[in-house]
C-alpha atoms as a PDB file:
ATOM      1  CA  MET A   1       0.000   0.000   0.000  1.00  0.00           C
ATOM      2  CA  THR A   2       1.465   3.388  -1.000  1.00  0.00           C
ATOM      3  CA  LYS A   3       1.572   6.433   1.230  1.00  0.00           C
ATOM      4  CA  PRO A   4      -1.403   8.230  -0.430  1.00  0.00           C
ATOM      5  CA  GLU A   5      -3.471   5.038  -0.116  1.00  0.00           C
ATOM      6  CA  LYS A   6      -2.559   4.803   3.585  1.00  0.00           C
ATOM      7  CA  ASN A   7      -3.605   8.428   4.078  1.00  0.00           C
ATOM      8  CA  ILE A   8      -6.946   7.782   2.383  1.00  0.00           C
ATOM      9  CA  GLU A   9      -7.563   4.684   4.518  1.00  0.00           C
ATOM     10  CA  LEU A  10      -6.639   6.573   7.700  1.00  0.00           C
ATOM     11  CA  GLU A  11      -8.978   9.409   6.763  1.00  0.00           C
ATOM     12  CA  LYS A  12     -11.808   6.915   6.163  1.00  0.00           C
ATOM     13  CA  VAL A  13     -11.265   5.362   9.594  1.00  0.00           C
ATOM     14  CA  ILE A  14     -11.227   8.781  11.286  1.00  0.00           C
ATOM     15  CA  LEU A  15     -14.361  10.003   9.493  1.00  0.00           C
ATOM     16  CA  LYS A  16     -16.291   6.714   9.772  1.00  0.00           C
ATOM     17  CA  GLY A  17     -18.179   7.552  12.965  1.00  0.00           C
ATOM     18  CA  ARG A  18     -18.585  11.261  12.315  1.00  0.00           C
ATOM     19  CA  LYS A  19     -21.742  13.000  11.185  1.00  0.00           C
ATOM     20  CA  PHE A  20     -21.486  14.795   7.821  1.00  0.00           C
ATOM     21  CA  SER A  21     -20.977  18.544   8.189  1.00  0.00           C
ATOM     22  CA  LEU A  22     -21.060  20.988   5.308  1.00  0.00           C
ATOM     23  CA  ALA A  23     -18.917  23.404   7.336  1.00  0.00           C
ATOM     24  CA  GLU A  24     -16.235  20.738   7.826  1.00  0.00           C
ATOM     25  CA  LEU A  25     -16.276  19.854   4.133  1.00  0.00           C
ATOM     26  CA  THR A  26     -16.027  23.522   3.133  1.00  0.00           C
ATOM     27  CA  GLY A  27     -13.129  24.053   5.518  1.00  0.00           C
ATOM     28  CA  LYS A  28     -11.299  21.006   4.242  1.00  0.00           C
ATOM     29  CA  GLU A  29     -11.738  21.816   0.555  1.00  0.00           C
ATOM     30  CA  GLY A  30     -11.427  25.579   0.977  1.00  0.00           C
ATOM     31  CA  GLY A  31      -8.056  25.189   2.660  1.00  0.00           C
ATOM     32  CA  SER A  32      -6.518  23.633  -0.418  1.00  0.00           C
ATOM     33  CA  PHE A  33      -8.453  25.853  -2.824  1.00  0.00           C
ATOM     34  CA  LEU A  34      -6.891  29.075  -1.534  1.00  0.00           C
ATOM     35  CA  LYS A  35      -3.469  27.642  -0.833  1.00  0.00           C
ATOM     36  CA  GLY A  36      -0.880  30.149  -1.999  1.00  0.00           C
ATOM     37  CA  GLU A  37      -3.465  32.583  -3.324  1.00  0.00           C
ATOM     38  CA  SER A  38      -4.914  35.737  -1.861  1.00  0.00           C
ATOM     39  CA  PRO A  39      -8.692  35.910  -1.437  1.00  0.00           C
ATOM     40  CA  VAL A  40      -8.480  39.585  -2.514  1.00  0.00           C
ATOM     41  CA  PRO A  41      -8.647  40.005  -6.300  1.00  0.00           C
ATOM     42  CA  LYS A  42      -5.515  41.442  -7.928  1.00  0.00           C
ATOM     43  CA  ILE A  43      -7.381  44.443  -9.347  1.00  0.00           C
ATOM     44  CA  VAL A  44      -8.590  45.428  -5.859  1.00  0.00           C
ATOM     45  CA  LYS A  45      -5.051  45.144  -4.469  1.00  0.00           C
ATOM     46  CA  LEU A  46      -3.748  47.231  -7.369  1.00  0.00           C
ATOM     47  CA  LYS A  47      -6.319  50.007  -6.778  1.00  0.00           C
ATOM     48  CA  ILE A  48      -5.443  50.117  -3.082  1.00  0.00           C
ATOM     49  CA  GLU A  49      -1.707  50.269  -3.811  1.00  0.00           C
ATOM     50  CA  ILE A  50      -2.170  53.135  -6.287  1.00  0.00           C
ATOM     51  CA  LYS A  51      -4.358  55.062  -3.858  1.00  0.00           C
ATOM     52  CA  LEU A  52      -1.820  54.602  -1.051  1.00  0.00           C
ATOM     53  CA  PHE A  53       1.063  55.640  -3.296  1.00  0.00           C
ATOM     54  CA  VAL A  54      -0.722  58.801  -4.422  1.00  0.00           C
ATOM     55  CA  SER A  55      -1.820  59.740  -0.908  1.00  0.00           C
ATOM     56  CA  ASN A  56       1.667  59.131   0.534  1.00  0.00           C
ATOM     57  CA  ASN A  57       3.694  60.798  -2.222  1.00  0.00           C
ATOM     58  CA  LEU A  58       1.671  63.724  -3.589  1.00  0.00           C
ATOM     59  CA  LYS A  59       0.565  66.862  -1.825  1.00  0.00           C
ATOM     60  CA  ASP A  60      -2.892  67.764  -3.111  1.00  0.00           C
ATOM     61  CA  LEU A  61      -3.748  71.111  -1.555  1.00  0.00           C
ATOM     62  CA  SER A  62      -6.795  71.669  -3.782  1.00  0.00           C
ATOM     63  CA  TYR A  63      -8.125  68.108  -3.258  1.00  0.00           C
ATOM     64  CA  SER A  64      -8.361  67.619  -7.016  1.00  0.00           C
ATOM     65  CA  LEU A  65      -6.975  64.085  -6.585  1.00  0.00           C
ATOM     66  CA  HIS A  66      -9.278  63.288  -3.678  1.00  0.00           C
ATOM     67  CA  TYR A  67     -10.607  59.738  -3.871  1.00  0.00           C
ATOM     68  CA  LYS A  68     -14.214  59.516  -5.034  1.00  0.00           C
ATOM     69  CA  PRO A  69     -15.900  56.124  -5.345  1.00  0.00           C
ATOM     70  CA  PHE A  70     -17.357  55.286  -8.749  1.00  0.00           C
END
């Protein structure tokens, strides 16, 4: 029996007496789904970075660059 097969068998034994839970399933699958990725879309991160750069590096005395939501 290979290592992945042993892991599957062990998981079956552990889960055998447990009641099915959608929250547990979501947590298990969601953990691998987001592995290495940010839940924040890249475009949102980019907009935030640009806004922070402008606000930290430009003096806007007339507020012409003031952030206004679309």
